[in-house]
Structures are given as C-alpha cells and as structure tokens.
Amino acid sequence: MSAQIAPSILAADFAQLGAQAEEALRAGARWLHLDVMDGHFVPNISFGPLVVQALRTMATQHNAVLDVHLMITNPERHLEAFARAGADLITVHAEACSNLSTVVQAVRQLGCRAGVAINPQTSLQAFEPVLDQLDLALIMSVNPGFGGQTFIASSTARVAQLRALLDVRGALAQLQIDGGIGADNAAAVAQAGATVLVAGSAVFGGGRGIAANLRALQAALG
C-alpha cells in the first residue's frame, strides 16, 4: 500500500480553512495534520482545540483521521481538551514530556491513538521506552515552529533507522515524517519506510490548486 499524504492545515488559507480542507479530502486525502504551537516549546503560535472541533464533522464524513500534533510544553494539561474536540490521534513531543510513558498512556485512556514526535537533533533512542505503546512515531525533518522550511537531508536516513527499529521490535506504529516534504523527496522517504507523509506547502501552496498538488504527490509516490 502506498504511503498516505497528510495535508498540514497550517499551510492553508485560514480565511478559507473549511473549503480548503474539504478540497483536500475530496481529492483523496484521508488524514488532516493539525500543528498546535504554543509560542513556548516552539516560537510560533497557531491554534487550539476549536479548530479541531470545527473540522471534526467534515473529517467524519470523509472517514479521515484528525492527526493532532502538539508542539507544546506540558502537553498533558491539554490532552483532554483536544480529545473532547474530536482528535483521533494526538502526538506529543518526547522533548516536552518529563514522563513520556505516562503521557502516552493518558492519550490512550482518553480514547485517542497515541503518537510521539522527535526533533531533528533528538536521538531515536527517545522512542525506546514507549515504542510498543505507540500508534505513530514522528520524525521531524525540519526544526519545528514554522511552515515552509527546507527538508533536512539526513532525515531520510533517520526514517530508515527508525523503520528498522520498529521492525525489529515488531511494533505496528505508523512512521510519519513532517517538514519540507514535496514531490521531489516523497518517494525517497516512503522507500526508507515512512508510511504517513505530512505535506503543507506542497498541498496548499503554489498556483496549481490543492487537488492537482495532491495528484502530483501521489504520482511521485508511484
């Protein structure tokens, strides 16, 4: 099965967020990636549970996953609000959690799938304590906080290393990559073992339109 594209709504036009998310879903996307930033863990500020809630009905209609990526300090304080808003999957950063296993368990107890993300400088060993508990393991291929950044080339090797780690453990987690993904590198990261590719500017940017952008990404994946 081909890797999934998860359009990152951070790159959408927020004046037309509903329409653009709908266009991506109609074009075949089955994930929507929602980057939540607090201005503390990362320098930017984005949005909170209300945007998750606003997209919930649309995602249900298209049988799509609302993939909520918490780039925030002390994420355990906000898990319940995002679960209540309708998140299907909540990803926290290993760097933001003093007890990662406890936070992952809290996500699961709220009825959501659980993910853990690591920044480009963080060792893959950060996944080790929770690898068997995860539904998703996320490698950041840019330094988090802003959209539209350039892909860090060494990330492809990190995907391959994490793929090997997951396979050795028999772990069933999706392997997601986020940052600078486009038609030029999508195939390489998928071949390295990524199963969900977050794409922001490559979906919502440029002059071709969202559906055409998604077709180009899918064509690159083969």
N, C-alpha and C. Protein backbone atom coordinates (compact mmCIF):
# COMPACT_ATOMS: atom_id res chain seq x y z
N MET A 1 0.85 -1.21 0.00
CA MET A 1 0.00 0.00 0.00
C MET A 1 0.87 1.25 0.00
N SER A 2 0.51 2.21 -0.82
CA SER A 2 1.27 3.44 -0.91
C SER A 2 1.17 4.24 0.39
N ALA A 3 2.20 5.03 0.65
CA ALA A 3 2.18 5.89 1.83
C ALA A 3 1.03 6.90 1.72
N GLN A 4 0.54 7.30 2.87
CA GLN A 4 -0.53 8.30 2.95
C GLN A 4 0.06 9.71 2.96
N ILE A 5 -0.62 10.63 2.31
CA ILE A 5 -0.29 12.05 2.42
C ILE A 5 -1.22 12.67 3.47
N ALA A 6 -0.63 13.38 4.42
CA ALA A 6 -1.41 14.06 5.46
C ALA A 6 -1.25 15.57 5.27
N PRO A 7 -2.20 16.22 4.58
CA PRO A 7 -2.10 17.67 4.40
C PRO A 7 -2.05 18.40 5.74
N SER A 8 -1.08 19.29 5.86
CA SER A 8 -0.94 20.09 7.09
C SER A 8 -1.70 21.40 6.92
N ILE A 9 -2.75 21.57 7.69
CA ILE A 9 -3.61 22.74 7.51
C ILE A 9 -2.92 24.04 7.91
N LEU A 10 -1.76 23.95 8.57
CA LEU A 10 -1.03 25.17 8.91
C LEU A 10 -0.69 25.98 7.65
N ALA A 11 -0.56 25.28 6.52
CA ALA A 11 -0.21 25.94 5.26
C ALA A 11 -1.44 26.42 4.49
N ALA A 12 -2.63 26.12 4.98
CA ALA A 12 -3.86 26.54 4.30
C ALA A 12 -4.12 28.03 4.51
N ASP A 13 -5.02 28.56 3.71
CA ASP A 13 -5.51 29.93 3.88
C ASP A 13 -6.59 29.87 4.95
N PHE A 14 -6.33 30.44 6.13
CA PHE A 14 -7.27 30.29 7.24
C PHE A 14 -8.58 31.04 7.01
N ALA A 15 -8.60 31.96 6.07
CA ALA A 15 -9.86 32.61 5.71
C ALA A 15 -10.76 31.64 4.95
N GLN A 16 -10.16 30.56 4.41
CA GLN A 16 -10.92 29.57 3.65
C GLN A 16 -10.63 28.16 4.17
N LEU A 17 -10.38 28.05 5.46
CA LEU A 17 -9.89 26.78 6.00
C LEU A 17 -10.83 25.62 5.73
N GLY A 18 -12.11 25.81 6.00
CA GLY A 18 -13.06 24.73 5.78
C GLY A 18 -13.10 24.29 4.32
N ALA A 19 -13.15 25.25 3.42
CA ALA A 19 -13.23 24.93 1.99
C ALA A 19 -11.96 24.24 1.51
N GLN A 20 -10.80 24.68 2.00
CA GLN A 20 -9.55 24.08 1.55
C GLN A 20 -9.36 22.68 2.15
N ALA A 21 -9.74 22.49 3.39
CA ALA A 21 -9.68 21.15 3.97
C ALA A 21 -10.62 20.21 3.23
N GLU A 22 -11.80 20.70 2.91
CA GLU A 22 -12.77 19.90 2.15
C GLU A 22 -12.22 19.53 0.78
N GLU A 23 -11.55 20.47 0.13
CA GLU A 23 -10.97 20.19 -1.19
C GLU A 23 -9.91 19.10 -1.10
N ALA A 24 -9.09 19.16 -0.06
CA ALA A 24 -8.06 18.13 0.12
C ALA A 24 -8.68 16.76 0.35
N LEU A 25 -9.75 16.72 1.14
CA LEU A 25 -10.42 15.45 1.42
C LEU A 25 -11.13 14.92 0.18
N ARG A 26 -11.76 15.79 -0.57
CA ARG A 26 -12.41 15.37 -1.81
C ARG A 26 -11.40 14.86 -2.84
N ALA A 27 -10.18 15.37 -2.74
CA ALA A 27 -9.12 14.95 -3.66
C ALA A 27 -8.46 13.64 -3.23
N GLY A 28 -8.93 13.09 -2.09
CA GLY A 28 -8.45 11.76 -1.70
C GLY A 28 -7.65 11.69 -0.43
N ALA A 29 -7.31 12.83 0.18
CA ALA A 29 -6.57 12.79 1.44
C ALA A 29 -7.44 12.13 2.52
N ARG A 30 -6.83 11.31 3.33
CA ARG A 30 -7.56 10.65 4.41
C ARG A 30 -6.97 10.94 5.79
N TRP A 31 -6.05 11.88 5.81
CA TRP A 31 -5.52 12.43 7.06
C TRP A 31 -5.54 13.96 6.94
N LEU A 32 -5.80 14.64 8.04
CA LEU A 32 -5.54 16.07 8.15
C LEU A 32 -4.62 16.26 9.35
N HIS A 33 -3.50 16.93 9.11
CA HIS A 33 -2.48 17.13 10.15
C HIS A 33 -2.66 18.52 10.73
N LEU A 34 -2.80 18.61 12.04
CA LEU A 34 -3.07 19.88 12.72
C LEU A 34 -1.92 20.19 13.67
N ASP A 35 -1.13 21.19 13.32
CA ASP A 35 0.04 21.58 14.11
C ASP A 35 -0.37 22.60 15.17
N VAL A 36 -0.31 22.19 16.41
CA VAL A 36 -0.68 23.07 17.53
C VAL A 36 0.61 23.60 18.16
N MET A 37 0.79 24.92 18.16
CA MET A 37 2.01 25.55 18.66
C MET A 37 1.66 26.57 19.74
N ASP A 38 2.51 26.61 20.77
CA ASP A 38 2.16 27.40 21.95
C ASP A 38 3.00 28.65 22.16
N GLY A 39 3.96 28.93 21.26
CA GLY A 39 4.82 30.09 21.46
C GLY A 39 5.85 29.90 22.55
N HIS A 40 5.95 28.67 23.09
CA HIS A 40 6.89 28.39 24.17
C HIS A 40 7.80 27.23 23.78
N PHE A 41 7.21 26.06 23.52
CA PHE A 41 8.02 24.93 23.05
C PHE A 41 8.60 25.23 21.67
N VAL A 42 7.81 25.91 20.86
CA VAL A 42 8.27 26.45 19.57
C VAL A 42 7.94 27.93 19.54
N PRO A 43 8.64 28.72 18.69
CA PRO A 43 8.45 30.17 18.76
C PRO A 43 7.13 30.68 18.22
N ASN A 44 6.46 29.90 17.40
CA ASN A 44 5.23 30.36 16.77
C ASN A 44 4.01 30.00 17.61
N ILE A 45 2.87 30.62 17.33
CA ILE A 45 1.58 30.28 17.93
C ILE A 45 0.62 29.98 16.79
N SER A 46 -0.13 28.89 16.90
CA SER A 46 -1.04 28.55 15.80
C SER A 46 -2.49 28.58 16.25
N PHE A 47 -3.00 27.46 16.76
CA PHE A 47 -4.42 27.38 17.10
C PHE A 47 -4.61 26.30 18.16
N GLY A 48 -5.85 26.18 18.64
CA GLY A 48 -6.14 25.24 19.70
C GLY A 48 -7.29 24.30 19.37
N PRO A 49 -7.96 23.78 20.39
CA PRO A 49 -8.99 22.76 20.18
C PRO A 49 -10.16 23.20 19.31
N LEU A 50 -10.45 24.50 19.25
CA LEU A 50 -11.61 24.94 18.47
C LEU A 50 -11.47 24.60 16.99
N VAL A 51 -10.25 24.62 16.47
CA VAL A 51 -10.05 24.28 15.05
C VAL A 51 -10.26 22.77 14.85
N VAL A 52 -9.80 21.97 15.80
CA VAL A 52 -10.07 20.53 15.74
C VAL A 52 -11.57 20.28 15.72
N GLN A 53 -12.27 20.94 16.61
CA GLN A 53 -13.73 20.79 16.69
C GLN A 53 -14.40 21.21 15.39
N ALA A 54 -13.90 22.29 14.80
CA ALA A 54 -14.50 22.82 13.57
C ALA A 54 -14.37 21.85 12.40
N LEU A 55 -13.32 21.03 12.39
CA LEU A 55 -13.07 20.11 11.29
C LEU A 55 -13.60 18.70 11.56
N ARG A 56 -14.11 18.45 12.76
CA ARG A 56 -14.47 17.09 13.15
C ARG A 56 -15.57 16.49 12.26
N THR A 57 -16.65 17.22 12.03
CA THR A 57 -17.76 16.67 11.25
C THR A 57 -17.31 16.37 9.82
N MET A 58 -16.55 17.28 9.23
CA MET A 58 -16.06 17.08 7.87
C MET A 58 -15.16 15.84 7.79
N ALA A 59 -14.28 15.68 8.76
CA ALA A 59 -13.39 14.52 8.77
C ALA A 59 -14.19 13.23 8.87
N THR A 60 -15.22 13.23 9.70
CA THR A 60 -16.06 12.04 9.85
C THR A 60 -16.75 11.69 8.54
N GLN A 61 -17.25 12.71 7.84
CA GLN A 61 -17.94 12.49 6.56
C GLN A 61 -17.03 11.83 5.53
N HIS A 62 -15.74 12.11 5.61
CA HIS A 62 -14.79 11.57 4.64
C HIS A 62 -13.97 10.40 5.22
N ASN A 63 -14.37 9.94 6.40
CA ASN A 63 -13.65 8.84 7.05
C ASN A 63 -12.16 9.16 7.17
N ALA A 64 -11.86 10.39 7.58
CA ALA A 64 -10.48 10.87 7.65
C ALA A 64 -10.03 10.99 9.10
N VAL A 65 -8.73 10.89 9.28
CA VAL A 65 -8.09 10.97 10.59
C VAL A 65 -7.75 12.43 10.90
N LEU A 66 -8.16 12.91 12.07
CA LEU A 66 -7.69 14.20 12.56
C LEU A 66 -6.45 13.94 13.42
N ASP A 67 -5.33 14.30 12.85
CA ASP A 67 -4.00 13.98 13.36
C ASP A 67 -3.45 15.24 14.04
N VAL A 68 -3.53 15.29 15.37
CA VAL A 68 -3.20 16.50 16.11
C VAL A 68 -1.79 16.39 16.68
N HIS A 69 -0.94 17.29 16.25
CA HIS A 69 0.49 17.30 16.61
C HIS A 69 0.72 18.44 17.60
N LEU A 70 0.93 18.08 18.87
CA LEU A 70 1.07 19.07 19.93
C LEU A 70 2.53 19.47 20.09
N MET A 71 2.87 20.62 19.53
CA MET A 71 4.21 21.19 19.72
C MET A 71 4.11 22.19 20.86
N ILE A 72 3.86 21.64 22.05
CA ILE A 72 3.58 22.48 23.21
C ILE A 72 4.27 21.93 24.45
N THR A 73 4.56 22.84 25.37
CA THR A 73 5.10 22.46 26.67
C THR A 73 3.99 21.89 27.55
N ASN A 74 4.32 20.93 28.39
CA ASN A 74 3.35 20.31 29.30
C ASN A 74 2.08 19.86 28.57
N PRO A 75 2.21 19.04 27.55
CA PRO A 75 1.04 18.65 26.76
C PRO A 75 -0.03 17.93 27.57
N GLU A 76 0.37 17.29 28.67
CA GLU A 76 -0.60 16.55 29.47
C GLU A 76 -1.72 17.43 30.00
N ARG A 77 -1.48 18.74 30.11
CA ARG A 77 -2.51 19.67 30.60
C ARG A 77 -3.64 19.85 29.59
N HIS A 78 -3.37 19.55 28.34
CA HIS A 78 -4.32 19.89 27.27
C HIS A 78 -4.87 18.68 26.54
N LEU A 79 -4.46 17.49 26.92
CA LEU A 79 -4.90 16.28 26.21
C LEU A 79 -6.41 16.15 26.20
N GLU A 80 -7.03 16.36 27.34
CA GLU A 80 -8.48 16.16 27.45
C GLU A 80 -9.24 17.11 26.52
N ALA A 81 -8.77 18.36 26.44
CA ALA A 81 -9.45 19.35 25.59
C ALA A 81 -9.39 18.94 24.12
N PHE A 82 -8.24 18.43 23.68
CA PHE A 82 -8.12 18.03 22.28
C PHE A 82 -8.88 16.74 22.00
N ALA A 83 -8.89 15.84 22.96
CA ALA A 83 -9.68 14.61 22.79
C ALA A 83 -11.17 14.95 22.71
N ARG A 84 -11.62 15.83 23.57
CA ARG A 84 -13.03 16.23 23.58
C ARG A 84 -13.41 16.95 22.30
N ALA A 85 -12.45 17.68 21.72
CA ALA A 85 -12.71 18.42 20.48
C ALA A 85 -12.83 17.50 19.27
N GLY A 86 -12.33 16.26 19.41
CA GLY A 86 -12.50 15.30 18.32
C GLY A 86 -11.25 14.77 17.68
N ALA A 87 -10.08 14.96 18.32
CA ALA A 87 -8.84 14.41 17.77
C ALA A 87 -8.94 12.88 17.72
N ASP A 88 -8.51 12.31 16.61
CA ASP A 88 -8.38 10.85 16.50
C ASP A 88 -7.05 10.39 17.05
N LEU A 89 -6.02 11.16 16.76
CA LEU A 89 -4.66 10.81 17.12
C LEU A 89 -4.00 12.04 17.71
N ILE A 90 -3.34 11.89 18.85
CA ILE A 90 -2.64 13.00 19.49
C ILE A 90 -1.17 12.63 19.61
N THR A 91 -0.32 13.46 19.02
CA THR A 91 1.13 13.26 19.07
C THR A 91 1.74 14.32 19.97
N VAL A 92 2.57 13.87 20.91
CA VAL A 92 3.30 14.78 21.80
C VAL A 92 4.79 14.67 21.48
N HIS A 93 5.54 15.67 21.90
CA HIS A 93 6.99 15.65 21.68
C HIS A 93 7.70 15.01 22.86
N ALA A 94 8.61 14.10 22.55
CA ALA A 94 9.42 13.48 23.61
C ALA A 94 10.13 14.55 24.43
N GLU A 95 10.58 15.61 23.77
CA GLU A 95 11.34 16.66 24.45
C GLU A 95 10.49 17.46 25.43
N ALA A 96 9.18 17.39 25.29
CA ALA A 96 8.27 18.21 26.12
C ALA A 96 7.70 17.44 27.30
N CYS A 97 8.05 16.16 27.43
CA CYS A 97 7.43 15.31 28.45
C CYS A 97 8.46 14.81 29.45
N SER A 98 8.20 15.05 30.74
CA SER A 98 9.11 14.54 31.77
C SER A 98 8.91 13.04 31.97
N ASN A 99 7.68 12.55 31.75
CA ASN A 99 7.41 11.11 31.83
C ASN A 99 6.61 10.72 30.60
N LEU A 100 7.32 10.36 29.56
CA LEU A 100 6.69 10.14 28.26
C LEU A 100 5.67 9.01 28.30
N SER A 101 6.01 7.93 28.98
CA SER A 101 5.11 6.78 29.05
C SER A 101 3.77 7.14 29.68
N THR A 102 3.81 7.95 30.72
CA THR A 102 2.59 8.37 31.41
C THR A 102 1.71 9.20 30.48
N VAL A 103 2.33 10.08 29.70
CA VAL A 103 1.57 10.93 28.78
C VAL A 103 0.94 10.09 27.67
N VAL A 104 1.70 9.15 27.13
CA VAL A 104 1.18 8.26 26.09
C VAL A 104 -0.01 7.47 26.61
N GLN A 105 0.12 6.95 27.82
CA GLN A 105 -0.99 6.21 28.43
C GLN A 105 -2.21 7.10 28.63
N ALA A 106 -1.98 8.37 29.00
CA ALA A 106 -3.09 9.30 29.20
C ALA A 106 -3.84 9.55 27.89
N VAL A 107 -3.11 9.65 26.78
CA VAL A 107 -3.74 9.82 25.47
C VAL A 107 -4.64 8.63 25.17
N ARG A 108 -4.14 7.44 25.39
CA ARG A 108 -4.89 6.22 25.11
C ARG A 108 -6.14 6.12 26.01
N GLN A 109 -6.00 6.53 27.25
CA GLN A 109 -7.13 6.46 28.18
C GLN A 109 -8.25 7.41 27.77
N LEU A 110 -7.91 8.43 27.01
CA LEU A 110 -8.92 9.37 26.52
C LEU A 110 -9.59 8.87 25.24
N GLY A 111 -9.17 7.70 24.78
CA GLY A 111 -9.80 7.10 23.60
C GLY A 111 -9.18 7.51 22.29
N CYS A 112 -8.01 8.12 22.34
CA CYS A 112 -7.31 8.54 21.13
C CYS A 112 -6.12 7.64 20.86
N ARG A 113 -5.72 7.60 19.60
CA ARG A 113 -4.46 6.96 19.26
C ARG A 113 -3.32 7.86 19.71
N ALA A 114 -2.17 7.25 20.03
CA ALA A 114 -1.07 8.00 20.64
C ALA A 114 0.14 8.02 19.73
N GLY A 115 0.72 9.21 19.58
CA GLY A 115 1.95 9.38 18.81
C GLY A 115 3.00 10.12 19.61
N VAL A 116 4.25 9.90 19.24
CA VAL A 116 5.37 10.65 19.82
C VAL A 116 6.23 11.17 18.68
N ALA A 117 6.63 12.44 18.80
CA ALA A 117 7.48 13.10 17.81
C ALA A 117 8.83 13.42 18.43
N ILE A 118 9.86 13.45 17.56
CA ILE A 118 11.17 13.93 18.00
C ILE A 118 11.70 14.96 17.01
N ASN A 119 12.45 15.91 17.53
CA ASN A 119 13.07 16.96 16.73
C ASN A 119 14.30 16.42 16.00
N PRO A 120 14.80 17.16 15.00
CA PRO A 120 15.93 16.65 14.22
C PRO A 120 17.18 16.32 15.03
N GLN A 121 17.40 17.03 16.13
CA GLN A 121 18.62 16.79 16.91
C GLN A 121 18.44 15.71 17.98
N THR A 122 17.22 15.22 18.15
CA THR A 122 16.94 14.25 19.22
C THR A 122 17.23 12.83 18.74
N SER A 123 17.88 12.06 19.61
CA SER A 123 18.22 10.67 19.27
C SER A 123 16.97 9.82 19.10
N LEU A 124 17.04 8.87 18.18
CA LEU A 124 15.94 7.92 18.01
C LEU A 124 15.69 7.11 19.27
N GLN A 125 16.68 7.05 20.15
CA GLN A 125 16.53 6.30 21.39
C GLN A 125 15.42 6.88 22.26
N ALA A 126 15.01 8.11 22.00
CA ALA A 126 13.91 8.71 22.76
C ALA A 126 12.63 7.92 22.61
N PHE A 127 12.48 7.19 21.49
CA PHE A 127 11.28 6.37 21.27
C PHE A 127 11.28 5.08 22.09
N GLU A 128 12.45 4.63 22.47
CA GLU A 128 12.60 3.28 23.03
C GLU A 128 11.63 2.94 24.17
N PRO A 129 11.46 3.83 25.17
CA PRO A 129 10.62 3.44 26.31
C PRO A 129 9.15 3.23 25.96
N VAL A 130 8.71 3.77 24.83
CA VAL A 130 7.27 3.75 24.51
C VAL A 130 6.97 3.10 23.16
N LEU A 131 7.97 2.55 22.51
CA LEU A 131 7.80 2.09 21.14
C LEU A 131 6.63 1.12 20.99
N ASP A 132 6.46 0.25 21.97
CA ASP A 132 5.41 -0.76 21.88
C ASP A 132 4.02 -0.20 22.21
N GLN A 133 3.97 1.03 22.71
CA GLN A 133 2.69 1.64 23.08
C GLN A 133 2.17 2.59 22.01
N LEU A 134 2.96 2.82 20.96
CA LEU A 134 2.66 3.90 20.02
C LEU A 134 1.82 3.43 18.84
N ASP A 135 0.94 4.33 18.41
CA ASP A 135 0.24 4.18 17.14
C ASP A 135 0.97 4.93 16.03
N LEU A 136 1.83 5.88 16.41
CA LEU A 136 2.54 6.68 15.44
C LEU A 136 3.84 7.17 16.03
N ALA A 137 4.91 7.09 15.23
CA ALA A 137 6.22 7.66 15.58
C ALA A 137 6.56 8.68 14.51
N LEU A 138 6.84 9.90 14.92
CA LEU A 138 7.01 11.03 14.01
C LEU A 138 8.43 11.57 14.06
N ILE A 139 9.07 11.59 12.91
CA ILE A 139 10.37 12.22 12.76
C ILE A 139 10.17 13.59 12.13
N MET A 140 10.62 14.62 12.83
CA MET A 140 10.60 15.96 12.26
C MET A 140 11.78 16.12 11.31
N SER A 141 11.49 16.55 10.09
CA SER A 141 12.55 16.73 9.10
C SER A 141 12.83 18.21 8.84
N VAL A 142 12.32 19.05 9.73
CA VAL A 142 12.71 20.46 9.85
C VAL A 142 12.70 20.77 11.35
N ASN A 143 13.30 21.88 11.73
CA ASN A 143 13.18 22.32 13.12
C ASN A 143 11.78 22.89 13.31
N PRO A 144 11.04 22.41 14.29
CA PRO A 144 9.61 22.74 14.37
C PRO A 144 9.36 24.19 14.73
N GLY A 145 8.21 24.68 14.26
CA GLY A 145 7.78 26.01 14.65
C GLY A 145 7.25 26.85 13.52
N PHE A 146 7.67 26.56 12.29
CA PHE A 146 7.22 27.34 11.15
C PHE A 146 7.03 26.43 9.94
N GLY A 147 6.04 26.75 9.11
CA GLY A 147 5.84 26.01 7.88
C GLY A 147 6.79 26.50 6.79
N GLY A 148 6.86 25.72 5.71
CA GLY A 148 7.60 26.15 4.53
C GLY A 148 9.10 26.03 4.61
N GLN A 149 9.62 25.25 5.57
CA GLN A 149 11.07 25.13 5.71
C GLN A 149 11.63 24.06 4.76
N THR A 150 12.95 24.10 4.59
CA THR A 150 13.64 23.16 3.71
C THR A 150 13.91 21.85 4.43
N PHE A 151 13.65 20.76 3.75
CA PHE A 151 13.86 19.40 4.26
C PHE A 151 15.32 19.20 4.66
N ILE A 152 15.54 18.63 5.85
CA ILE A 152 16.89 18.29 6.31
C ILE A 152 17.25 16.92 5.73
N ALA A 153 18.27 16.90 4.86
CA ALA A 153 18.55 15.72 4.04
C ALA A 153 18.83 14.46 4.87
N SER A 154 19.44 14.64 6.04
CA SER A 154 19.78 13.47 6.87
C SER A 154 18.54 12.79 7.44
N SER A 155 17.38 13.40 7.29
CA SER A 155 16.14 12.83 7.83
C SER A 155 15.78 11.51 7.15
N THR A 156 16.13 11.35 5.89
CA THR A 156 15.80 10.10 5.18
C THR A 156 16.49 8.92 5.85
N ALA A 157 17.75 9.09 6.23
CA ALA A 157 18.47 8.03 6.93
C ALA A 157 17.85 7.76 8.29
N ARG A 158 17.37 8.79 8.95
CA ARG A 158 16.72 8.60 10.26
C ARG A 158 15.43 7.80 10.10
N VAL A 159 14.71 8.04 9.02
CA VAL A 159 13.50 7.26 8.76
C VAL A 159 13.87 5.78 8.62
N ALA A 160 14.91 5.51 7.84
CA ALA A 160 15.33 4.12 7.63
C ALA A 160 15.75 3.46 8.94
N GLN A 161 16.43 4.22 9.79
CA GLN A 161 16.86 3.67 11.09
C GLN A 161 15.66 3.39 11.99
N LEU A 162 14.70 4.30 11.99
CA LEU A 162 13.50 4.08 12.80
C LEU A 162 12.68 2.92 12.25
N ARG A 163 12.60 2.82 10.91
CA ARG A 163 11.89 1.69 10.30
C ARG A 163 12.48 0.36 10.77
N ALA A 164 13.82 0.29 10.81
CA ALA A 164 14.49 -0.93 11.27
C ALA A 164 14.18 -1.20 12.74
N LEU A 165 14.17 -0.15 13.53
CA LEU A 165 13.88 -0.28 14.96
C LEU A 165 12.46 -0.79 15.19
N LEU A 166 11.50 -0.23 14.47
CA LEU A 166 10.11 -0.67 14.57
C LEU A 166 9.97 -2.13 14.14
N ASP A 167 10.64 -2.49 13.04
CA ASP A 167 10.51 -3.84 12.52
C ASP A 167 11.13 -4.88 13.45
N VAL A 168 12.27 -4.54 14.02
CA VAL A 168 12.92 -5.47 14.96
C VAL A 168 12.04 -5.73 16.18
N ARG A 169 11.37 -4.68 16.63
CA ARG A 169 10.51 -4.81 17.81
C ARG A 169 9.14 -5.39 17.46
N GLY A 170 8.84 -5.50 16.18
CA GLY A 170 7.51 -5.94 15.78
C GLY A 170 6.45 -4.91 16.10
N ALA A 171 6.87 -3.63 16.21
CA ALA A 171 5.94 -2.55 16.55
C ALA A 171 5.11 -2.19 15.32
N LEU A 172 3.85 -1.87 15.55
CA LEU A 172 2.91 -1.63 14.46
C LEU A 172 2.64 -0.15 14.20
N ALA A 173 3.39 0.72 14.85
CA ALA A 173 3.15 2.16 14.72
C ALA A 173 3.35 2.63 13.29
N GLN A 174 2.52 3.58 12.87
CA GLN A 174 2.77 4.30 11.63
C GLN A 174 4.06 5.10 11.82
N LEU A 175 4.82 5.26 10.73
CA LEU A 175 6.04 6.07 10.77
C LEU A 175 5.76 7.32 9.93
N GLN A 176 5.69 8.43 10.62
CA GLN A 176 5.34 9.70 9.97
C GLN A 176 6.56 10.60 9.86
N ILE A 177 6.62 11.35 8.78
CA ILE A 177 7.67 12.36 8.62
C ILE A 177 7.00 13.70 8.32
N ASP A 178 7.56 14.77 8.88
CA ASP A 178 6.91 16.08 8.83
C ASP A 178 7.96 17.16 8.64
N GLY A 179 7.86 17.87 7.51
CA GLY A 179 8.71 19.04 7.29
C GLY A 179 9.41 19.01 5.96
N GLY A 180 9.05 19.94 5.08
CA GLY A 180 9.74 20.06 3.81
C GLY A 180 9.46 18.95 2.82
N ILE A 181 8.35 18.25 2.99
CA ILE A 181 8.01 17.14 2.10
C ILE A 181 7.36 17.67 0.83
N GLY A 182 7.82 17.17 -0.31
CA GLY A 182 7.25 17.56 -1.60
C GLY A 182 7.44 16.44 -2.60
N ALA A 183 7.08 16.70 -3.84
CA ALA A 183 7.17 15.68 -4.89
C ALA A 183 8.61 15.26 -5.15
N ASP A 184 9.58 16.11 -4.77
CA ASP A 184 10.99 15.80 -5.03
C ASP A 184 11.57 14.80 -4.04
N ASN A 185 10.98 14.67 -2.85
CA ASN A 185 11.57 13.76 -1.85
C ASN A 185 10.57 12.75 -1.28
N ALA A 186 9.31 12.82 -1.70
CA ALA A 186 8.29 11.93 -1.14
C ALA A 186 8.63 10.46 -1.37
N ALA A 187 9.05 10.12 -2.56
CA ALA A 187 9.34 8.72 -2.86
C ALA A 187 10.49 8.20 -2.02
N ALA A 188 11.52 9.02 -1.83
CA ALA A 188 12.70 8.58 -1.08
C ALA A 188 12.36 8.28 0.38
N VAL A 189 11.55 9.14 1.01
CA VAL A 189 11.24 8.90 2.42
C VAL A 189 10.27 7.72 2.56
N ALA A 190 9.38 7.55 1.57
CA ALA A 190 8.49 6.40 1.60
C ALA A 190 9.27 5.10 1.42
N GLN A 191 10.23 5.11 0.51
CA GLN A 191 11.07 3.93 0.31
C GLN A 191 11.91 3.62 1.54
N ALA A 192 12.27 4.66 2.29
CA ALA A 192 13.04 4.46 3.53
C ALA A 192 12.18 3.88 4.65
N GLY A 193 10.85 3.95 4.48
CA GLY A 193 9.98 3.33 5.47
C GLY A 193 8.89 4.19 6.06
N ALA A 194 8.79 5.45 5.63
CA ALA A 194 7.71 6.30 6.13
C ALA A 194 6.37 5.85 5.55
N THR A 195 5.34 5.84 6.38
CA THR A 195 4.01 5.43 5.93
C THR A 195 3.01 6.59 5.87
N VAL A 196 3.32 7.70 6.55
CA VAL A 196 2.48 8.90 6.50
C VAL A 196 3.39 10.10 6.30
N LEU A 197 3.14 10.83 5.22
CA LEU A 197 3.96 11.99 4.87
C LEU A 197 3.15 13.25 5.06
N VAL A 198 3.57 14.09 6.00
CA VAL A 198 2.90 15.37 6.23
C VAL A 198 3.40 16.36 5.18
N ALA A 199 2.47 17.01 4.50
CA ALA A 199 2.83 17.99 3.47
C ALA A 199 1.96 19.22 3.64
N GLY A 200 2.59 20.37 3.76
CA GLY A 200 1.86 21.62 3.93
C GLY A 200 1.87 22.46 2.68
N SER A 201 2.99 23.14 2.44
CA SER A 201 3.11 24.00 1.27
C SER A 201 2.93 23.22 -0.03
N ALA A 202 3.37 21.94 -0.04
CA ALA A 202 3.26 21.12 -1.25
C ALA A 202 1.82 20.78 -1.59
N VAL A 203 0.92 20.91 -0.60
CA VAL A 203 -0.52 20.68 -0.84
C VAL A 203 -1.26 22.00 -1.04
N PHE A 204 -1.03 22.95 -0.15
CA PHE A 204 -1.84 24.17 -0.15
C PHE A 204 -1.18 25.35 -0.86
N GLY A 205 0.08 25.21 -1.27
CA GLY A 205 0.80 26.32 -1.90
C GLY A 205 0.83 26.21 -3.41
N GLY A 206 1.56 27.13 -4.03
CA GLY A 206 1.72 27.10 -5.48
C GLY A 206 0.47 27.55 -6.21
N GLY A 207 0.50 27.49 -7.52
CA GLY A 207 -0.61 28.02 -8.31
C GLY A 207 -1.48 26.96 -8.96
N ARG A 208 -1.22 25.68 -8.69
CA ARG A 208 -1.95 24.63 -9.41
C ARG A 208 -3.25 24.23 -8.75
N GLY A 209 -3.38 24.51 -7.48
CA GLY A 209 -4.58 24.09 -6.75
C GLY A 209 -4.32 22.84 -5.93
N ILE A 210 -5.15 22.65 -4.92
CA ILE A 210 -4.95 21.59 -3.94
C ILE A 210 -5.06 20.21 -4.56
N ALA A 211 -6.08 19.97 -5.35
CA ALA A 211 -6.27 18.65 -5.95
C ALA A 211 -5.10 18.29 -6.86
N ALA A 212 -4.65 19.23 -7.68
CA ALA A 212 -3.51 18.97 -8.56
C ALA A 212 -2.24 18.72 -7.77
N ASN A 213 -2.05 19.47 -6.68
CA ASN A 213 -0.88 19.25 -5.83
C ASN A 213 -0.89 17.85 -5.22
N LEU A 214 -2.05 17.41 -4.76
CA LEU A 214 -2.15 16.08 -4.18
C LEU A 214 -1.90 15.00 -5.23
N ARG A 215 -2.40 15.22 -6.43
CA ARG A 215 -2.16 14.26 -7.52
C ARG A 215 -0.66 14.15 -7.82
N ALA A 216 0.04 15.28 -7.79
CA ALA A 216 1.47 15.28 -8.06
C ALA A 216 2.23 14.51 -6.98
N LEU A 217 1.82 14.69 -5.73
CA LEU A 217 2.46 13.95 -4.64
C LEU A 217 2.21 12.46 -4.76
N GLN A 218 0.96 12.09 -5.06
CA GLN A 218 0.64 10.68 -5.21
C GLN A 218 1.38 10.08 -6.40
N ALA A 219 1.50 10.84 -7.48
CA ALA A 219 2.23 10.35 -8.65
C ALA A 219 3.70 10.14 -8.32
N ALA A 220 4.26 11.02 -7.49
CA ALA A 220 5.66 10.87 -7.08
C ALA A 220 5.87 9.61 -6.25
N LEU A 221 4.85 9.23 -5.51
CA LEU A 221 4.94 8.02 -4.69
C LEU A 221 4.80 6.76 -5.54
N GLY A 222 4.19 6.90 -6.74
CA GLY A 222 4.08 5.76 -7.65
C GLY A 222 2.87 4.90 -7.37
